[in-house]
Amino acid sequence: MKTAPVIIVQLIHIEGPLKGKIVELSDPIIKIGRHPSCQLQYPAKLAIISREHALITREGNQFKLTDQSSNGTIVNGKKIKEIFLKNGDVITVSEGGPKFSFLTQVTNTPLPPEEVIPPPIAKTPDISPPQPASVIPEPNVPPPQPDPVIPKPKSPQKSKVPLIIQYGPTLRSFDELPLKIGKHPSNGFLLDHASILDLHAEIYFADEQYYIRDLTGRQMVTANDIPVDQGSVLNKDDVLAFSQTGPFFRFLGNGRLSEEVHDQEEAGQGSGPTSTEKATDKKSSKKPLSFFKKIFSKM
């Protein structure tokens, strides 16, 4: 018997007390508000948000947002009472309140339950019979292993695949790779940051995998602190650094890239594509803030 696919709702917080966090839910009804029963719960002191502010209800493979508040709910800049949501919609909870982006991901695997760690199993001691005094066993020397074969990086080719990048309060969607990244206007994705060169990096797709390569010639771009050089596979939850002082991103699979907020950015003027004036005064720090995993799916 064919079962319906599981649709995971991903709420990516762009502004407000939950900024930088991602809430993943598969409930048929998602409550938003300050009440403890809400799956998306805001702090009780945030009075502009009602106790039960809004509902996201699944209807088939669609999701309907219904406002239940006194201060209103805004979708893409327009106040609504009821609307069917699309991937990438930006929802503002009350006028001037927190913002989050709505995305969905279809999977055949439901969200995993909490992990239960079984108690340790006591091992039976291995008691070997004593060896005769005159017998000296030969050392067990493993045979020599051949050197591992390191595959060469694939070359960038034009591919019709999705890529969604969240940087600061913005979401950018791309339908074709490769995508060049840098400060010059000729790049597909402009990254306005003090450490970014005119032509800095490139993301491309080959053999059913996403890749990133460094175009600076200075080994500035790293994945998990390892230089990507001329081509490195992007694996789920890889942390990308475009320089020692940022910007930083997390790759979360399926062509989804999210800005990784680090301590020096929280202490500075914030993150975003227009934050260049104070970026040179930030001190480098590699300790990321707490961050939920997974982000985005193709609109």
C-alpha atoms as a PDB file:
ATOM      1  CA  MET A   1       0.000   0.000   0.000  1.00  0.00           C
ATOM      2  CA  LYS A   2       1.413   3.357  -1.049  1.00  0.00           C
ATOM      3  CA  THR A   3       1.878   5.788   1.825  1.00  0.00           C
ATOM      4  CA  ALA A   4       1.726   9.577   1.606  1.00  0.00           C
ATOM      5  CA  PRO A   5       5.129  11.313   1.719  1.00  0.00           C
ATOM      6  CA  VAL A   6       6.169  13.082   4.890  1.00  0.00           C
ATOM      7  CA  ILE A   7       6.426  16.862   4.466  1.00  0.00           C
ATOM      8  CA  ILE A   8       8.765  18.599   6.894  1.00  0.00           C
ATOM      9  CA  VAL A   9       7.957  22.281   7.554  1.00  0.00           C
ATOM     10  CA  GLN A  10      11.072  24.390   8.119  1.00  0.00           C
ATOM     11  CA  LEU A  11      10.668  27.795   9.784  1.00  0.00           C
ATOM     12  CA  ILE A  12      13.892  29.794   9.338  1.00  0.00           C
ATOM     13  CA  HIS A  13      14.056  32.763  11.725  1.00  0.00           C
ATOM     14  CA  ILE A  14      15.423  35.899  10.067  1.00  0.00           C
ATOM     15  CA  GLU A  15      14.660  38.570  12.708  1.00  0.00           C
ATOM     16  CA  GLY A  16      13.574  38.547  16.334  1.00  0.00           C
ATOM     17  CA  PRO A  17      14.539  36.654  19.522  1.00  0.00           C
ATOM     18  CA  LEU A  18      14.948  33.364  17.605  1.00  0.00           C
ATOM     19  CA  LYS A  19      17.148  34.830  14.837  1.00  0.00           C
ATOM     20  CA  GLY A  20      19.459  32.252  13.269  1.00  0.00           C
ATOM     21  CA  LYS A  21      17.439  29.245  14.432  1.00  0.00           C
ATOM     22  CA  ILE A  22      15.456  26.766  12.348  1.00  0.00           C
ATOM     23  CA  VAL A  23      12.399  24.939  13.676  1.00  0.00           C
ATOM     24  CA  GLU A  24      11.431  21.718  11.888  1.00  0.00           C
ATOM     25  CA  LEU A  25       7.933  20.275  12.316  1.00  0.00           C
ATOM     26  CA  SER A  26       5.745  17.628  10.686  1.00  0.00           C
ATOM     27  CA  ASP A  27       2.557  18.269  12.691  1.00  0.00           C
ATOM     28  CA  PRO A  28      -0.674  18.677  10.658  1.00  0.00           C
ATOM     29  CA  ILE A  29      -1.461  21.835  12.678  1.00  0.00           C
ATOM     30  CA  ILE A  30       1.321  24.184  13.832  1.00  0.00           C
ATOM     31  CA  LYS A  31       0.456  26.820  16.449  1.00  0.00           C
ATOM     32  CA  ILE A  32       2.362  30.116  16.581  1.00  0.00           C
ATOM     33  CA  GLY A  33       2.272  32.382  19.645  1.00  0.00           C
ATOM     34  CA  ARG A  34       3.351  32.887  23.264  1.00  0.00           C
ATOM     35  CA  HIS A  35       1.268  30.084  24.816  1.00  0.00           C
ATOM     36  CA  PRO A  36       3.248  27.015  26.024  1.00  0.00           C
ATOM     37  CA  SER A  37       1.122  24.766  23.786  1.00  0.00           C
ATOM     38  CA  CYS A  38       2.472  26.459  20.630  1.00  0.00           C
ATOM     39  CA  GLN A  39       5.050  24.486  18.634  1.00  0.00           C
ATOM     40  CA  LEU A  40       6.567  27.823  17.559  1.00  0.00           C
ATOM     41  CA  GLN A  41       6.647  29.600  20.919  1.00  0.00           C
ATOM     42  CA  TYR A  42       7.902  33.150  21.414  1.00  0.00           C
ATOM     43  CA  PRO A  43       8.947  34.647  24.790  1.00  0.00           C
ATOM     44  CA  ALA A  44       6.070  35.604  27.085  1.00  0.00           C
ATOM     45  CA  LYS A  45       7.366  39.181  27.383  1.00  0.00           C
ATOM     46  CA  LEU A  46       6.906  39.787  23.633  1.00  0.00           C
ATOM     47  CA  ALA A  47       3.460  41.337  24.121  1.00  0.00           C
ATOM     48  CA  ILE A  48       2.900  42.356  20.480  1.00  0.00           C
ATOM     49  CA  ILE A  49       2.418  38.645  19.723  1.00  0.00           C
ATOM     50  CA  SER A  50      -0.851  37.042  20.835  1.00  0.00           C
ATOM     51  CA  ARG A  51      -0.870  33.928  23.016  1.00  0.00           C
ATOM     52  CA  GLU A  52      -2.251  31.970  20.047  1.00  0.00           C
ATOM     53  CA  HIS A  53      -1.301  34.274  17.190  1.00  0.00           C
ATOM     54  CA  ALA A  54      -1.661  32.130  14.051  1.00  0.00           C
ATOM     55  CA  LEU A  55      -2.055  28.587  12.713  1.00  0.00           C
ATOM     56  CA  ILE A  56      -0.335  26.733   9.874  1.00  0.00           C
ATOM     57  CA  THR A  57      -2.644  23.896   8.774  1.00  0.00           C
ATOM     58  CA  ARG A  58      -1.750  21.160   6.302  1.00  0.00           C
ATOM     59  CA  GLU A  59      -4.395  20.532   3.624  1.00  0.00           C
ATOM     60  CA  GLY A  60      -3.201  17.717   1.340  1.00  0.00           C
ATOM     61  CA  ASN A  61       0.220  18.830   0.135  1.00  0.00           C
ATOM     62  CA  GLN A  62      -0.488  22.524   0.822  1.00  0.00           C
ATOM     63  CA  PHE A  63      -0.169  24.591   3.984  1.00  0.00           C
ATOM     64  CA  LYS A  64      -2.635  27.328   4.954  1.00  0.00           C
ATOM     65  CA  LEU A  65      -1.708  30.190   7.304  1.00  0.00           C
ATOM     66  CA  THR A  66      -4.619  31.613   9.349  1.00  0.00           C
ATOM     67  CA  ASP A  67      -4.279  34.770  11.464  1.00  0.00           C
ATOM     68  CA  GLN A  68      -5.939  34.676  14.918  1.00  0.00           C
ATOM     69  CA  SER A  69      -4.320  37.754  16.456  1.00  0.00           C
ATOM     70  CA  SER A  70      -5.238  41.303  17.328  1.00  0.00           C
ATOM     71  CA  ASN A  71      -2.061  42.827  15.832  1.00  0.00           C
ATOM     72  CA  GLY A  72      -2.151  40.905  12.546  1.00  0.00           C
ATOM     73  CA  THR A  73       0.112  38.604  10.543  1.00  0.00           C
ATOM     74  CA  ILE A  74       2.006  39.759   7.436  1.00  0.00           C
ATOM     75  CA  VAL A  75       3.161  37.621   4.474  1.00  0.00           C
ATOM     76  CA  ASN A  76       5.644  39.155   2.018  1.00  0.00           C
ATOM     77  CA  GLY A  77       4.748  42.646   3.258  1.00  0.00           C
ATOM     78  CA  LYS A  78       0.930  42.247   3.074  1.00  0.00           C
ATOM     79  CA  LYS A  79      -1.365  41.737   6.051  1.00  0.00           C
ATOM     80  CA  ILE A  80      -3.465  38.596   5.658  1.00  0.00           C
ATOM     81  CA  LYS A  81      -6.276  36.738   7.349  1.00  0.00           C
ATOM     82  CA  GLU A  82      -5.849  33.456   5.477  1.00  0.00           C
ATOM     83  CA  ILE A  83      -3.429  32.396   2.728  1.00  0.00           C
ATOM     84  CA  PHE A  84      -1.853  29.267   1.237  1.00  0.00           C
ATOM     85  CA  LEU A  85       1.914  29.471   1.750  1.00  0.00           C
ATOM     86  CA  LYS A  86       4.648  28.929  -0.840  1.00  0.00           C
ATOM     87  CA  ASN A  87       8.293  28.021  -0.318  1.00  0.00           C
ATOM     88  CA  GLY A  88      10.291  31.176   0.417  1.00  0.00           C
ATOM     89  CA  ASP A  89       7.376  33.215   1.816  1.00  0.00           C
ATOM     90  CA  VAL A  90       8.529  35.598   4.572  1.00  0.00           C
ATOM     91  CA  ILE A  91       6.103  35.821   7.496  1.00  0.00           C
ATOM     92  CA  THR A  92       6.103  38.707   9.983  1.00  0.00           C
ATOM     93  CA  VAL A  93       4.409  37.896  13.287  1.00  0.00           C
ATOM     94  CA  SER A  94       2.647  41.197  14.125  1.00  0.00           C
ATOM     95  CA  GLU A  95       3.556  44.633  12.752  1.00  0.00           C
ATOM     96  CA  GLY A  96       7.248  45.218  13.539  1.00  0.00           C
ATOM     97  CA  GLY A  97       7.538  41.763  15.092  1.00  0.00           C
ATOM     98  CA  PRO A  98       9.788  38.756  14.408  1.00  0.00           C
ATOM     99  CA  LYS A  99      10.238  37.403  10.874  1.00  0.00           C
ATOM    100  CA  PHE A 100      10.725  33.874   9.615  1.00  0.00           C
ATOM    101  CA  SER A 101      10.806  32.185   6.219  1.00  0.00           C
ATOM    102  CA  PHE A 102       8.539  29.236   5.357  1.00  0.00           C
ATOM    103  CA  LEU A 103       9.973  26.263   3.496  1.00  0.00           C
ATOM    104  CA  THR A 104       9.034  22.599   3.081  1.00  0.00           C
ATOM    105  CA  GLN A 105      10.965  19.431   2.369  1.00  0.00           C
ATOM    106  CA  VAL A 106       9.353  16.213   1.091  1.00  0.00           C
ATOM    107  CA  THR A 107      10.792  12.991   2.478  1.00  0.00           C
ATOM    108  CA  ASN A 108       9.752   9.412   3.021  1.00  0.00           C
ATOM    109  CA  THR A 109      11.386   9.418   6.448  1.00  0.00           C
ATOM    110  CA  PRO A 110       9.601  11.113   9.380  1.00  0.00           C
ATOM    111  CA  LEU A 111      11.443  13.216  11.932  1.00  0.00           C
ATOM    112  CA  PRO A 112      13.358  10.812  14.206  1.00  0.00           C
ATOM    113  CA  PRO A 113      12.189  10.320  17.805  1.00  0.00           C
ATOM    114  CA  GLU A 114      14.458  11.183  20.702  1.00  0.00           C
ATOM    115  CA  GLU A 115      17.426   8.837  20.815  1.00  0.00           C
ATOM    116  CA  VAL A 116      17.298   6.200  23.536  1.00  0.00           C
ATOM    117  CA  ILE A 117      20.744   5.049  24.641  1.00  0.00           C
ATOM    118  CA  PRO A 118      20.690   1.392  25.785  1.00  0.00           C
ATOM    119  CA  PRO A 119      22.535   0.440  28.960  1.00  0.00           C
ATOM    120  CA  PRO A 120      26.060  -0.884  28.435  1.00  0.00           C
ATOM    121  CA  ILE A 121      26.437  -4.642  28.025  1.00  0.00           C
ATOM    122  CA  ALA A 122      28.924  -6.217  30.363  1.00  0.00           C
ATOM    123  CA  LYS A 123      31.700  -7.968  28.469  1.00  0.00           C
ATOM    124  CA  THR A 124      32.812 -11.480  29.363  1.00  0.00           C
ATOM    125  CA  PRO A 125      36.532 -11.387  30.149  1.00  0.00           C
ATOM    126  CA  ASP A 126      38.646 -13.020  27.481  1.00  0.00           C
ATOM    127  CA  ILE A 127      40.722 -15.618  29.306  1.00  0.00           C
ATOM    128  CA  SER A 128      43.210 -17.278  26.988  1.00  0.00           C
ATOM    129  CA  PRO A 129      45.136 -20.419  27.992  1.00  0.00           C
ATOM    130  CA  PRO A 130      48.733 -19.713  28.968  1.00  0.00           C
ATOM    131  CA  GLN A 131      51.375 -20.169  26.283  1.00  0.00           C
ATOM    132  CA  PRO A 132      54.220 -22.587  26.881  1.00  0.00           C
ATOM    133  CA  ALA A 133      57.339 -20.794  28.067  1.00  0.00           C
ATOM    134  CA  SER A 134      59.366 -22.059  25.138  1.00  0.00           C
ATOM    135  CA  VAL A 135      56.900 -20.807  22.464  1.00  0.00           C
ATOM    136  CA  ILE A 136      57.201 -17.158  21.446  1.00  0.00           C
ATOM    137  CA  PRO A 137      54.335 -16.157  19.126  1.00  0.00           C
ATOM    138  CA  GLU A 138      55.276 -14.284  16.016  1.00  0.00           C
ATOM    139  CA  PRO A 139      54.112 -10.676  15.900  1.00  0.00           C
ATOM    140  CA  ASN A 140      50.907 -10.131  13.942  1.00  0.00           C
ATOM    141  CA  VAL A 141      52.058  -7.695  11.284  1.00  0.00           C
ATOM    142  CA  PRO A 142      49.269  -6.575   8.937  1.00  0.00           C
ATOM    143  CA  PRO A 143      50.061  -6.614   5.224  1.00  0.00           C
ATOM    144  CA  PRO A 144      51.009  -3.252   3.713  1.00  0.00           C
ATOM    145  CA  GLN A 145      48.051  -1.250   2.445  1.00  0.00           C
ATOM    146  CA  PRO A 146      48.167   0.598  -0.870  1.00  0.00           C
ATOM    147  CA  ASP A 147      48.015   4.370  -0.781  1.00  0.00           C
ATOM    148  CA  PRO A 148      44.432   5.663  -1.051  1.00  0.00           C
ATOM    149  CA  VAL A 149      43.347   6.931  -4.443  1.00  0.00           C
ATOM    150  CA  ILE A 150      42.212  10.544  -4.131  1.00  0.00           C
ATOM    151  CA  PRO A 151      39.732  11.373  -6.914  1.00  0.00           C
ATOM    152  CA  LYS A 152      40.340  14.505  -8.905  1.00  0.00           C
ATOM    153  CA  PRO A 153      37.728  17.257  -8.509  1.00  0.00           C
ATOM    154  CA  LYS A 154      35.059  17.369 -11.191  1.00  0.00           C
ATOM    155  CA  SER A 155      34.990  20.235 -13.666  1.00  0.00           C
ATOM    156  CA  PRO A 156      32.149  22.800 -13.491  1.00  0.00           C
ATOM    157  CA  GLN A 157      29.406  22.212 -16.041  1.00  0.00           C
ATOM    158  CA  LYS A 158      26.088  23.908 -16.674  1.00  0.00           C
ATOM    159  CA  SER A 159      23.382  22.116 -14.678  1.00  0.00           C
ATOM    160  CA  LYS A 160      19.690  22.861 -14.159  1.00  0.00           C
ATOM    161  CA  VAL A 161      19.662  22.302 -10.393  1.00  0.00           C
ATOM    162  CA  PRO A 162      18.352  24.454  -7.527  1.00  0.00           C
ATOM    163  CA  LEU A 163      20.428  26.499  -5.107  1.00  0.00           C
ATOM    164  CA  ILE A 164      18.922  28.642  -2.320  1.00  0.00           C
ATOM    165  CA  ILE A 165      21.159  30.936  -0.261  1.00  0.00           C
ATOM    166  CA  GLN A 166      20.085  32.659   2.963  1.00  0.00           C
ATOM    167  CA  TYR A 167      22.349  35.612   3.801  1.00  0.00           C
ATOM    168  CA  GLY A 168      21.253  38.042   6.494  1.00  0.00           C
ATOM    169  CA  PRO A 169      17.532  38.833   6.037  1.00  0.00           C
ATOM    170  CA  THR A 170      17.502  37.815   2.354  1.00  0.00           C
ATOM    171  CA  LEU A 171      16.802  34.598   0.443  1.00  0.00           C
ATOM    172  CA  ARG A 172      18.184  34.166  -3.085  1.00  0.00           C
ATOM    173  CA  SER A 173      17.087  31.341  -5.379  1.00  0.00           C
ATOM    174  CA  PHE A 174      19.045  30.115  -8.404  1.00  0.00           C
ATOM    175  CA  ASP A 175      17.912  27.562 -11.016  1.00  0.00           C
ATOM    176  CA  GLU A 176      21.223  26.929 -12.775  1.00  0.00           C
ATOM    177  CA  LEU A 177      24.816  26.247 -11.760  1.00  0.00           C
ATOM    178  CA  PRO A 178      27.740  26.995 -11.785  1.00  0.00           C
ATOM    179  CA  LEU A 179      27.318  30.152  -9.696  1.00  0.00           C
ATOM    180  CA  LYS A 180      30.209  32.558  -9.237  1.00  0.00           C
ATOM    181  CA  ILE A 181      30.407  34.447  -5.931  1.00  0.00           C
ATOM    182  CA  GLY A 182      32.266  37.669  -5.257  1.00  0.00           C
ATOM    183  CA  LYS A 183      32.127  41.432  -4.866  1.00  0.00           C
ATOM    184  CA  HIS A 184      32.175  42.359  -8.571  1.00  0.00           C
ATOM    185  CA  PRO A 185      28.762  42.999 -10.232  1.00  0.00           C
ATOM    186  CA  SER A 186      29.534  40.368 -12.896  1.00  0.00           C
ATOM    187  CA  ASN A 187      29.078  37.578 -10.333  1.00  0.00           C
ATOM    188  CA  GLY A 188      25.806  35.681 -10.052  1.00  0.00           C
ATOM    189  CA  PHE A 189      25.753  36.183  -6.263  1.00  0.00           C
ATOM    190  CA  LEU A 190      27.144  39.465  -4.917  1.00  0.00           C
ATOM    191  CA  LEU A 191      28.683  39.024  -1.475  1.00  0.00           C
ATOM    192  CA  ASP A 192      29.339  42.471  -0.011  1.00  0.00           C
ATOM    193  CA  HIS A 193      31.829  41.782   2.778  1.00  0.00           C
ATOM    194  CA  ALA A 194      35.212  43.334   3.622  1.00  0.00           C
ATOM    195  CA  SER A 195      37.071  40.021   3.184  1.00  0.00           C
ATOM    196  CA  ILE A 196      35.523  39.082  -0.180  1.00  0.00           C
ATOM    197  CA  LEU A 197      37.478  39.574  -3.428  1.00  0.00           C
ATOM    198  CA  ASP A 198      35.973  40.593  -6.774  1.00  0.00           C
ATOM    199  CA  LEU A 199      36.006  36.940  -7.913  1.00  0.00           C
ATOM    200  CA  HIS A 200      36.034  34.735  -4.823  1.00  0.00           C
ATOM    201  CA  ALA A 201      34.382  31.296  -5.152  1.00  0.00           C
ATOM    202  CA  GLU A 202      32.187  29.127  -7.360  1.00  0.00           C
ATOM    203  CA  ILE A 203      29.489  26.554  -6.553  1.00  0.00           C
ATOM    204  CA  TYR A 204      28.753  23.919  -9.199  1.00  0.00           C
ATOM    205  CA  PHE A 205      27.070  20.530  -9.643  1.00  0.00           C
ATOM    206  CA  ALA A 206      28.563  17.291 -11.000  1.00  0.00           C
ATOM    207  CA  ASP A 207      27.774  13.558 -10.611  1.00  0.00           C
ATOM    208  CA  GLU A 208      24.705  14.273  -8.445  1.00  0.00           C
ATOM    209  CA  GLN A 209      26.741  16.300  -5.933  1.00  0.00           C
ATOM    210  CA  TYR A 210      27.297  19.967  -5.135  1.00  0.00           C
ATOM    211  CA  TYR A 211      30.876  21.271  -5.231  1.00  0.00           C
ATOM    212  CA  ILE A 212      32.645  24.476  -4.202  1.00  0.00           C
ATOM    213  CA  ARG A 213      35.985  25.755  -5.455  1.00  0.00           C
ATOM    214  CA  ASP A 214      38.260  28.627  -4.465  1.00  0.00           C
ATOM    215  CA  LEU A 215      38.833  31.290  -7.153  1.00  0.00           C
ATOM    216  CA  THR A 216      41.107  33.530  -5.034  1.00  0.00           C
ATOM    217  CA  GLY A 217      44.325  31.550  -5.540  1.00  0.00           C
ATOM    218  CA  ARG A 218      45.112  32.166  -1.850  1.00  0.00           C
ATOM    219  CA  GLN A 219      43.397  29.176  -0.173  1.00  0.00           C
ATOM    220  CA  MET A 220      40.942  31.571   1.495  1.00  0.00           C
ATOM    221  CA  VAL A 221      37.859  29.331   1.118  1.00  0.00           C
ATOM    222  CA  THR A 222      37.635  26.356   3.497  1.00  0.00           C
ATOM    223  CA  ALA A 223      35.144  23.601   4.334  1.00  0.00           C
ATOM    224  CA  ASN A 224      35.392  22.484   7.962  1.00  0.00           C
ATOM    225  CA  ASP A 225      38.734  24.389   8.172  1.00  0.00           C
ATOM    226  CA  ILE A 226      40.196  22.489   5.163  1.00  0.00           C
ATOM    227  CA  PRO A 227      41.014  24.504   1.995  1.00  0.00           C
ATOM    228  CA  VAL A 228      38.700  23.562  -0.893  1.00  0.00           C
ATOM    229  CA  ASP A 229      41.223  24.605  -3.577  1.00  0.00           C
ATOM    230  CA  GLN A 230      39.965  23.707  -7.085  1.00  0.00           C
ATOM    231  CA  GLY A 231      37.018  21.533  -6.089  1.00  0.00           C
ATOM    232  CA  SER A 232      35.573  19.994  -2.939  1.00  0.00           C
ATOM    233  CA  VAL A 233      32.315  18.053  -2.481  1.00  0.00           C
ATOM    234  CA  LEU A 234      29.761  19.789  -0.269  1.00  0.00           C
ATOM    235  CA  ASN A 235      28.471  17.343   2.323  1.00  0.00           C
ATOM    236  CA  LYS A 236      25.523  17.889   4.615  1.00  0.00           C
ATOM    237  CA  ASP A 237      26.358  20.167   7.595  1.00  0.00           C
ATOM    238  CA  ASP A 238      29.710  21.276   6.148  1.00  0.00           C
ATOM    239  CA  VAL A 239      30.661  24.730   7.513  1.00  0.00           C
ATOM    240  CA  LEU A 240      32.114  26.999   4.817  1.00  0.00           C
ATOM    241  CA  ALA A 241      34.380  29.954   5.579  1.00  0.00           C
ATOM    242  CA  PHE A 242      35.043  32.362   2.730  1.00  0.00           C
ATOM    243  CA  SER A 243      37.949  33.820   4.762  1.00  0.00           C
ATOM    244  CA  GLN A 244      39.272  33.644   8.324  1.00  0.00           C
ATOM    245  CA  THR A 245      36.926  36.493   9.285  1.00  0.00           C
ATOM    246  CA  GLY A 246      33.903  35.263   7.322  1.00  0.00           C
ATOM    247  CA  PRO A 247      31.354  35.276   6.015  1.00  0.00           C
ATOM    248  CA  PHE A 248      30.453  31.751   7.169  1.00  0.00           C
ATOM    249  CA  PHE A 249      27.796  29.428   5.753  1.00  0.00           C
ATOM    250  CA  ARG A 250      26.432  25.959   6.513  1.00  0.00           C
ATOM    251  CA  PHE A 251      25.536  23.581   3.662  1.00  0.00           C
ATOM    252  CA  LEU A 252      22.470  21.587   4.641  1.00  0.00           C
ATOM    253  CA  GLY A 253      21.871  19.399   1.631  1.00  0.00           C
ATOM    254  CA  ASN A 254      19.591  19.600  -1.431  1.00  0.00           C
ATOM    255  CA  GLY A 255      21.099  22.864  -2.643  1.00  0.00           C
ATOM    256  CA  ARG A 256      20.468  24.786   0.589  1.00  0.00           C
ATOM    257  CA  LEU A 257      23.071  27.190   1.994  1.00  0.00           C
ATOM    258  CA  SER A 258      22.515  29.220   5.170  1.00  0.00           C
ATOM    259  CA  GLU A 259      24.594  31.929   6.782  1.00  0.00           C
ATOM    260  CA  GLU A 260      26.346  30.693   9.923  1.00  0.00           C
ATOM    261  CA  VAL A 261      26.323  33.491  12.522  1.00  0.00           C
ATOM    262  CA  HIS A 262      29.526  33.639  14.578  1.00  0.00           C
ATOM    263  CA  ASP A 263      30.253  35.461  17.826  1.00  0.00           C
ATOM    264  CA  GLN A 264      32.137  38.339  16.236  1.00  0.00           C
ATOM    265  CA  GLU A 265      29.169  39.048  13.960  1.00  0.00           C
ATOM    266  CA  GLU A 266      26.728  39.082  16.881  1.00  0.00           C
ATOM    267  CA  ALA A 267      28.968  41.546  18.693  1.00  0.00           C
ATOM    268  CA  GLY A 268      29.259  43.782  15.615  1.00  0.00           C
ATOM    269  CA  GLN A 269      26.662  45.424  13.482  1.00  0.00           C
ATOM    270  CA  GLY A 270      24.958  42.167  12.515  1.00  0.00           C
ATOM    271  CA  SER A 271      24.987  40.157   9.332  1.00  0.00           C
ATOM    272  CA  GLY A 272      23.742  40.877   5.865  1.00  0.00           C
ATOM    273  CA  PRO A 273      24.857  41.905   2.428  1.00  0.00           C
ATOM    274  CA  THR A 274      25.167  45.637   3.378  1.00  0.00           C
ATOM    275  CA  SER A 275      27.333  45.247   6.497  1.00  0.00           C
ATOM    276  CA  THR A 276      30.742  46.288   5.047  1.00  0.00           C
ATOM    277  CA  GLU A 277      31.647  49.450   6.970  1.00  0.00           C
ATOM    278  CA  LYS A 278      32.332  47.747  10.308  1.00  0.00           C
ATOM    279  CA  ALA A 279      33.372  44.300   9.074  1.00  0.00           C
ATOM    280  CA  THR A 280      37.109  45.110   9.217  1.00  0.00           C
ATOM    281  CA  ASP A 281      36.833  45.865  12.963  1.00  0.00           C
ATOM    282  CA  LYS A 282      35.470  42.436  13.862  1.00  0.00           C
ATOM    283  CA  LYS A 283      37.761  39.999  15.670  1.00  0.00           C
ATOM    284  CA  SER A 284      38.004  36.482  14.275  1.00  0.00           C
ATOM    285  CA  SER A 285      36.182  33.772  16.167  1.00  0.00           C
ATOM    286  CA  LYS A 286      35.460  30.216  15.098  1.00  0.00           C
ATOM    287  CA  LYS A 287      32.971  29.292  17.792  1.00  0.00           C
ATOM    288  CA  PRO A 288      29.496  29.222  16.142  1.00  0.00           C
ATOM    289  CA  LEU A 289      26.289  29.950  17.935  1.00  0.00           C
ATOM    290  CA  SER A 290      23.795  27.139  18.543  1.00  0.00           C
ATOM    291  CA  PHE A 291      22.210  26.282  15.215  1.00  0.00           C
ATOM    292  CA  PHE A 292      19.542  23.817  14.160  1.00  0.00           C
ATOM    293  CA  LYS A 293      20.367  21.639  11.170  1.00  0.00           C
ATOM    294  CA  LYS A 294      18.792  21.477   7.713  1.00  0.00           C
ATOM    295  CA  ILE A 295      17.437  24.383   5.680  1.00  0.00           C
ATOM    296  CA  PHE A 296      15.562  25.210   2.531  1.00  0.00           C
ATOM    297  CA  SER A 297      14.121  23.266  -0.407  1.00  0.00           C
ATOM    298  CA  LYS A 298      13.508  24.260  -4.014  1.00  0.00           C
ATOM    299  CA  MET A 299      10.600  26.700  -4.487  1.00  0.00           C
END
